[in-house]
């Protein structure tokens, strides 16, 4: 499965491709190097290969680019994993990054909801405002139509805190999309 989604506004232009060939490296360029690093960690730990090209009004700040990447990635994942037949549905990951520890729990519920419980030790990591980490998660969960709980359990270094969260998102998503049978994982008969 190779899928591409894009979004163009007066503030940003984003194109993301989910590749079926996992032998190549991720190609991620948003104009925000630390955000690129986090997205690469997410894709690696989710077992996915992504190409992400984004440009935006980063001279204003990073908010529009980070949010729009979350929107497009969410739309892409909704399309790619919309058929939940046989999928595990739920994913949980608790990931350490040195002194930081993060937990992310995801449900492919078709009911978008984000619970984000993280306070970061500084406001900026390179050109990424740490307040925009939550904005990315809000956009992603809304457009992927998933329920996601993010808990930063501990940590003192903001770089480690954010990395642990993105790695945990990847691992929990990998668990949730795993094929475990052929039944729809719902007593209601639909998601």
C-alpha atoms as a PDB file:
ATOM      1  CA  UNK A   1       0.000   0.000   0.000  1.00  0.00           C
ATOM      2  CA  UNK A   2       1.437   3.354  -1.023  1.00  0.00           C
ATOM      3  CA  UNK A   3      -0.727   6.325  -0.118  1.00  0.00           C
ATOM      4  CA  UNK A   4      -0.186  10.066  -0.400  1.00  0.00           C
ATOM      5  CA  UNK A   5      -2.122  12.929   1.178  1.00  0.00           C
ATOM      6  CA  UNK A   6      -1.491  16.641   0.822  1.00  0.00           C
ATOM      7  CA  UNK A   7      -2.727  19.958   2.116  1.00  0.00           C
ATOM      8  CA  UNK A   8      -2.034  23.446   0.805  1.00  0.00           C
ATOM      9  CA  UNK A   9      -3.102  26.594   2.619  1.00  0.00           C
ATOM     10  CA  UNK A  10      -1.919  30.191   2.620  1.00  0.00           C
ATOM     11  CA  UNK A  11       0.311  29.250   5.562  1.00  0.00           C
ATOM     12  CA  UNK A  12       1.658  25.792   4.694  1.00  0.00           C
ATOM     13  CA  UNK A  13       2.105  23.143   2.061  1.00  0.00           C
ATOM     14  CA  UNK A  14       2.348  19.537   3.270  1.00  0.00           C
ATOM     15  CA  UNK A  15       2.672  16.251   1.402  1.00  0.00           C
ATOM     16  CA  UNK A  16       3.031  12.914   3.178  1.00  0.00           C
ATOM     17  CA  UNK A  17       3.464   9.485   1.607  1.00  0.00           C
ATOM     18  CA  UNK A  18       3.142   6.171   3.415  1.00  0.00           C
ATOM     19  CA  UNK A  19       5.324   3.694   1.524  1.00  0.00           C
ATOM     20  CA  UNK A  20       4.936  -0.059   1.298  1.00  0.00           C
ATOM     21  CA  UNK A  21       8.686  -0.521   0.654  1.00  0.00           C
ATOM     22  CA  UNK A  22      10.258  -0.569   4.108  1.00  0.00           C
ATOM     23  CA  UNK A  23      13.826  -1.063   2.864  1.00  0.00           C
ATOM     24  CA  UNK A  24      14.442   2.652   2.334  1.00  0.00           C
ATOM     25  CA  UNK A  25      14.953   5.324   4.984  1.00  0.00           C
ATOM     26  CA  UNK A  26      12.314   7.862   5.959  1.00  0.00           C
ATOM     27  CA  UNK A  27      12.620  11.181   4.136  1.00  0.00           C
ATOM     28  CA  UNK A  28      11.362  13.953   6.381  1.00  0.00           C
ATOM     29  CA  UNK A  29      11.817  17.685   5.834  1.00  0.00           C
ATOM     30  CA  UNK A  30       9.481  20.122   7.577  1.00  0.00           C
ATOM     31  CA  UNK A  31      11.869  23.042   8.029  1.00  0.00           C
ATOM     32  CA  UNK A  32      11.921  22.281  11.778  1.00  0.00           C
ATOM     33  CA  UNK A  33      14.876  19.907  12.310  1.00  0.00           C
ATOM     34  CA  UNK A  34      13.986  18.629  15.783  1.00  0.00           C
ATOM     35  CA  UNK A  35      10.390  17.964  14.645  1.00  0.00           C
ATOM     36  CA  UNK A  36      11.823  16.014  11.671  1.00  0.00           C
ATOM     37  CA  UNK A  37      13.814  13.933  14.157  1.00  0.00           C
ATOM     38  CA  UNK A  38      10.694  13.207  16.238  1.00  0.00           C
ATOM     39  CA  UNK A  39       8.651  12.212  13.182  1.00  0.00           C
ATOM     40  CA  UNK A  40      11.463   9.905  12.081  1.00  0.00           C
ATOM     41  CA  UNK A  41      11.470   8.283  15.546  1.00  0.00           C
ATOM     42  CA  UNK A  42       7.692   7.849  15.375  1.00  0.00           C
ATOM     43  CA  UNK A  43       7.814   6.202  11.932  1.00  0.00           C
ATOM     44  CA  UNK A  44      10.716   3.921  12.892  1.00  0.00           C
ATOM     45  CA  UNK A  45       9.029   2.703  16.060  1.00  0.00           C
ATOM     46  CA  UNK A  46       5.680   2.274  14.278  1.00  0.00           C
ATOM     47  CA  UNK A  47       7.392   0.084  11.669  1.00  0.00           C
ATOM     48  CA  UNK A  48       6.350   2.427   8.868  1.00  0.00           C
ATOM     49  CA  UNK A  49       8.159   4.313   6.125  1.00  0.00           C
ATOM     50  CA  UNK A  50       7.167   7.915   5.562  1.00  0.00           C
ATOM     51  CA  UNK A  51       8.117  10.712   3.204  1.00  0.00           C
ATOM     52  CA  UNK A  52       7.103  14.060   4.657  1.00  0.00           C
ATOM     53  CA  UNK A  53       7.693  17.310   2.804  1.00  0.00           C
ATOM     54  CA  UNK A  54       6.381  20.450   4.446  1.00  0.00           C
ATOM     55  CA  UNK A  55       7.001  24.133   4.074  1.00  0.00           C
ATOM     56  CA  UNK A  56       5.330  26.832   6.034  1.00  0.00           C
ATOM     57  CA  UNK A  57       5.524  30.265   7.514  1.00  0.00           C
ATOM     58  CA  UNK A  58       8.155  29.273  10.072  1.00  0.00           C
ATOM     59  CA  UNK A  59       9.383  32.864  10.044  1.00  0.00           C
ATOM     60  CA  UNK A  60       6.138  33.573  11.957  1.00  0.00           C
ATOM     61  CA  UNK A  61       6.562  30.475  14.132  1.00  0.00           C
ATOM     62  CA  UNK A  62       6.378  26.692  13.940  1.00  0.00           C
ATOM     63  CA  UNK A  63       2.723  26.269  14.928  1.00  0.00           C
ATOM     64  CA  UNK A  64       1.105  26.134  11.465  1.00  0.00           C
ATOM     65  CA  UNK A  65       3.609  23.630  10.084  1.00  0.00           C
ATOM     66  CA  UNK A  66       3.455  21.329  13.122  1.00  0.00           C
ATOM     67  CA  UNK A  67      -0.349  21.388  13.213  1.00  0.00           C
ATOM     68  CA  UNK A  68      -0.774  20.845   9.464  1.00  0.00           C
ATOM     69  CA  UNK A  69       1.661  17.929   9.449  1.00  0.00           C
ATOM     70  CA  UNK A  70      -0.489  16.410  12.224  1.00  0.00           C
ATOM     71  CA  UNK A  71      -3.647  16.976  10.165  1.00  0.00           C
ATOM     72  CA  UNK A  72      -2.248  15.382   7.001  1.00  0.00           C
ATOM     73  CA  UNK A  73      -0.645  12.473   8.870  1.00  0.00           C
ATOM     74  CA  UNK A  74      -3.960  11.835  10.632  1.00  0.00           C
ATOM     75  CA  UNK A  75      -5.891  11.896   7.346  1.00  0.00           C
ATOM     76  CA  UNK A  76      -3.368   9.532   5.771  1.00  0.00           C
ATOM     77  CA  UNK A  77      -3.561   7.083   8.666  1.00  0.00           C
ATOM     78  CA  UNK A  78      -7.359   7.178   8.685  1.00  0.00           C
ATOM     79  CA  UNK A  79      -7.324   6.194   5.025  1.00  0.00           C
ATOM     80  CA  UNK A  80      -4.592   3.562   5.430  1.00  0.00           C
ATOM     81  CA  UNK A  81      -5.989   1.898   8.553  1.00  0.00           C
ATOM     82  CA  UNK A  82      -9.700   2.628   8.200  1.00  0.00           C
ATOM     83  CA  UNK A  83     -10.539  -1.063   7.812  1.00  0.00           C
ATOM     84  CA  UNK A  84     -10.135  -2.274  11.371  1.00  0.00           C
ATOM     85  CA  UNK A  85     -11.193  -5.845  10.602  1.00  0.00           C
ATOM     86  CA  UNK A  86      -8.698  -8.141  12.331  1.00  0.00           C
ATOM     87  CA  UNK A  87      -6.599  -5.376  13.882  1.00  0.00           C
ATOM     88  CA  UNK A  88      -5.622  -5.384  17.552  1.00  0.00           C
ATOM     89  CA  UNK A  89      -7.280  -1.941  17.905  1.00  0.00           C
ATOM     90  CA  UNK A  90      -5.507  -1.049  21.151  1.00  0.00           C
ATOM     91  CA  UNK A  91      -1.872  -0.172  21.678  1.00  0.00           C
ATOM     92  CA  UNK A  92       0.138   0.666  24.771  1.00  0.00           C
ATOM     93  CA  UNK A  93       3.774   1.696  25.019  1.00  0.00           C
ATOM     94  CA  UNK A  94       5.831   2.844  27.977  1.00  0.00           C
ATOM     95  CA  UNK A  95       9.151   4.148  26.707  1.00  0.00           C
ATOM     96  CA  UNK A  96      12.203   5.424  28.590  1.00  0.00           C
ATOM     97  CA  UNK A  97      14.619   7.946  27.130  1.00  0.00           C
ATOM     98  CA  UNK A  98      17.382   8.291  29.690  1.00  0.00           C
ATOM     99  CA  UNK A  99      15.730   9.934  32.720  1.00  0.00           C
ATOM    100  CA  UNK A 100      12.430  10.556  30.899  1.00  0.00           C
ATOM    101  CA  UNK A 101       9.564   8.067  30.854  1.00  0.00           C
ATOM    102  CA  UNK A 102       6.461   8.386  28.667  1.00  0.00           C
ATOM    103  CA  UNK A 103       3.317   6.321  28.223  1.00  0.00           C
ATOM    104  CA  UNK A 104       1.060   6.479  25.170  1.00  0.00           C
ATOM    105  CA  UNK A 105      -2.142   4.458  24.872  1.00  0.00           C
ATOM    106  CA  UNK A 106      -4.075   4.444  21.606  1.00  0.00           C
ATOM    107  CA  UNK A 107      -7.466   3.106  20.519  1.00  0.00           C
ATOM    108  CA  UNK A 108      -8.443   2.953  16.850  1.00  0.00           C
ATOM    109  CA  UNK A 109     -11.918   3.852  18.067  1.00  0.00           C
ATOM    110  CA  UNK A 110     -13.184   6.137  15.313  1.00  0.00           C
ATOM    111  CA  UNK A 111     -13.888   8.514  18.228  1.00  0.00           C
ATOM    112  CA  UNK A 112     -11.242  11.253  18.258  1.00  0.00           C
ATOM    113  CA  UNK A 113     -10.158  12.205  21.748  1.00  0.00           C
ATOM    114  CA  UNK A 114      -6.840  13.359  23.190  1.00  0.00           C
ATOM    115  CA  UNK A 115      -5.789  13.338  26.819  1.00  0.00           C
ATOM    116  CA  UNK A 116      -2.389  15.039  26.952  1.00  0.00           C
ATOM    117  CA  UNK A 117      -0.655  15.136  30.312  1.00  0.00           C
ATOM    118  CA  UNK A 118       2.859  16.504  29.798  1.00  0.00           C
ATOM    119  CA  UNK A 119       4.743  19.490  31.139  1.00  0.00           C
ATOM    120  CA  UNK A 120       8.066  20.135  29.485  1.00  0.00           C
ATOM    121  CA  UNK A 121      11.152  21.483  31.221  1.00  0.00           C
ATOM    122  CA  UNK A 122      11.741  24.229  28.642  1.00  0.00           C
ATOM    123  CA  UNK A 123       9.782  26.134  26.021  1.00  0.00           C
ATOM    124  CA  UNK A 124      11.913  25.476  22.932  1.00  0.00           C
ATOM    125  CA  UNK A 125      13.924  22.582  21.509  1.00  0.00           C
ATOM    126  CA  UNK A 126      15.770  24.055  18.560  1.00  0.00           C
ATOM    127  CA  UNK A 127      13.047  25.653  16.416  1.00  0.00           C
ATOM    128  CA  UNK A 128      10.213  23.568  17.925  1.00  0.00           C
ATOM    129  CA  UNK A 129       8.066  25.162  20.628  1.00  0.00           C
ATOM    130  CA  UNK A 130       7.261  22.413  23.111  1.00  0.00           C
ATOM    131  CA  UNK A 131       3.684  23.705  23.399  1.00  0.00           C
ATOM    132  CA  UNK A 132       3.225  22.614  19.778  1.00  0.00           C
ATOM    133  CA  UNK A 133       3.877  18.962  20.622  1.00  0.00           C
ATOM    134  CA  UNK A 134       0.352  18.872  22.045  1.00  0.00           C
ATOM    135  CA  UNK A 135      -0.941  20.706  18.942  1.00  0.00           C
ATOM    136  CA  UNK A 136       0.556  17.981  16.737  1.00  0.00           C
ATOM    137  CA  UNK A 137      -1.102  15.254  18.825  1.00  0.00           C
ATOM    138  CA  UNK A 138      -4.440  17.089  18.813  1.00  0.00           C
ATOM    139  CA  UNK A 139      -4.407  17.439  15.016  1.00  0.00           C
ATOM    140  CA  UNK A 140      -3.229  13.864  14.475  1.00  0.00           C
ATOM    141  CA  UNK A 141      -5.776  12.228  16.787  1.00  0.00           C
ATOM    142  CA  UNK A 142      -8.635  14.351  15.439  1.00  0.00           C
ATOM    143  CA  UNK A 143      -7.939  13.531  11.804  1.00  0.00           C
ATOM    144  CA  UNK A 144      -6.927   9.899  12.352  1.00  0.00           C
ATOM    145  CA  UNK A 145     -10.123   9.534  14.447  1.00  0.00           C
ATOM    146  CA  UNK A 146      -8.331   7.763  17.294  1.00  0.00           C
ATOM    147  CA  UNK A 147      -8.398   8.052  21.059  1.00  0.00           C
ATOM    148  CA  UNK A 148      -4.949   8.803  22.439  1.00  0.00           C
ATOM    149  CA  UNK A 149      -3.706   9.211  26.013  1.00  0.00           C
ATOM    150  CA  UNK A 150      -0.257  10.751  26.453  1.00  0.00           C
ATOM    151  CA  UNK A 151       1.345  10.799  29.890  1.00  0.00           C
ATOM    152  CA  UNK A 152       4.816  12.114  30.566  1.00  0.00           C
ATOM    153  CA  UNK A 153       5.519  10.192  33.753  1.00  0.00           C
ATOM    154  CA  UNK A 154       8.858  11.809  34.557  1.00  0.00           C
ATOM    155  CA  UNK A 155      11.858  13.562  33.072  1.00  0.00           C
ATOM    156  CA  UNK A 156      13.944  16.700  33.408  1.00  0.00           C
ATOM    157  CA  UNK A 157      15.406  17.115  29.914  1.00  0.00           C
ATOM    158  CA  UNK A 158      12.882  18.419  27.368  1.00  0.00           C
ATOM    159  CA  UNK A 159      14.693  16.759  24.454  1.00  0.00           C
ATOM    160  CA  UNK A 160      14.368  13.376  26.188  1.00  0.00           C
ATOM    161  CA  UNK A 161      10.778  14.055  27.280  1.00  0.00           C
ATOM    162  CA  UNK A 162       9.545  14.763  23.743  1.00  0.00           C
ATOM    163  CA  UNK A 163      11.529  11.918  22.176  1.00  0.00           C
ATOM    164  CA  UNK A 164      10.079   9.432  24.653  1.00  0.00           C
ATOM    165  CA  UNK A 165       6.557  10.591  23.752  1.00  0.00           C
ATOM    166  CA  UNK A 166       7.077  10.251  19.978  1.00  0.00           C
ATOM    167  CA  UNK A 167       8.717   6.834  20.365  1.00  0.00           C
ATOM    168  CA  UNK A 168       5.821   5.706  22.572  1.00  0.00           C
ATOM    169  CA  UNK A 169       3.319   6.941  19.977  1.00  0.00           C
ATOM    170  CA  UNK A 170       5.091   4.858  17.334  1.00  0.00           C
ATOM    171  CA  UNK A 171       5.213   1.713  19.460  1.00  0.00           C
ATOM    172  CA  UNK A 172       1.591   2.014  20.576  1.00  0.00           C
ATOM    173  CA  UNK A 173       0.430   2.604  16.999  1.00  0.00           C
ATOM    174  CA  UNK A 174       2.404  -0.437  15.803  1.00  0.00           C
ATOM    175  CA  UNK A 175       0.620  -2.527  18.427  1.00  0.00           C
ATOM    176  CA  UNK A 176      -2.839  -1.149  17.550  1.00  0.00           C
ATOM    177  CA  UNK A 177      -2.579  -1.764  13.780  1.00  0.00           C
ATOM    178  CA  UNK A 178      -1.183  -5.281  14.175  1.00  0.00           C
ATOM    179  CA  UNK A 179      -3.302  -7.991  12.554  1.00  0.00           C
ATOM    180  CA  UNK A 180      -4.461 -10.482  15.203  1.00  0.00           C
ATOM    181  CA  UNK A 181      -7.273 -12.337  13.461  1.00  0.00           C
ATOM    182  CA  UNK A 182     -10.235 -11.573  11.240  1.00  0.00           C
ATOM    183  CA  UNK A 183     -12.858 -10.234  13.661  1.00  0.00           C
ATOM    184  CA  UNK A 184     -13.823  -6.592  14.018  1.00  0.00           C
ATOM    185  CA  UNK A 185     -12.564  -5.626  17.491  1.00  0.00           C
ATOM    186  CA  UNK A 186     -15.895  -4.293  18.793  1.00  0.00           C
ATOM    187  CA  UNK A 187     -18.925  -5.794  20.537  1.00  0.00           C
ATOM    188  CA  UNK A 188     -21.057  -3.208  18.720  1.00  0.00           C
ATOM    189  CA  UNK A 189     -20.210  -4.716  15.347  1.00  0.00           C
ATOM    190  CA  UNK A 190     -18.740  -1.461  14.041  1.00  0.00           C
ATOM    191  CA  UNK A 191     -16.232   1.224  14.889  1.00  0.00           C
END
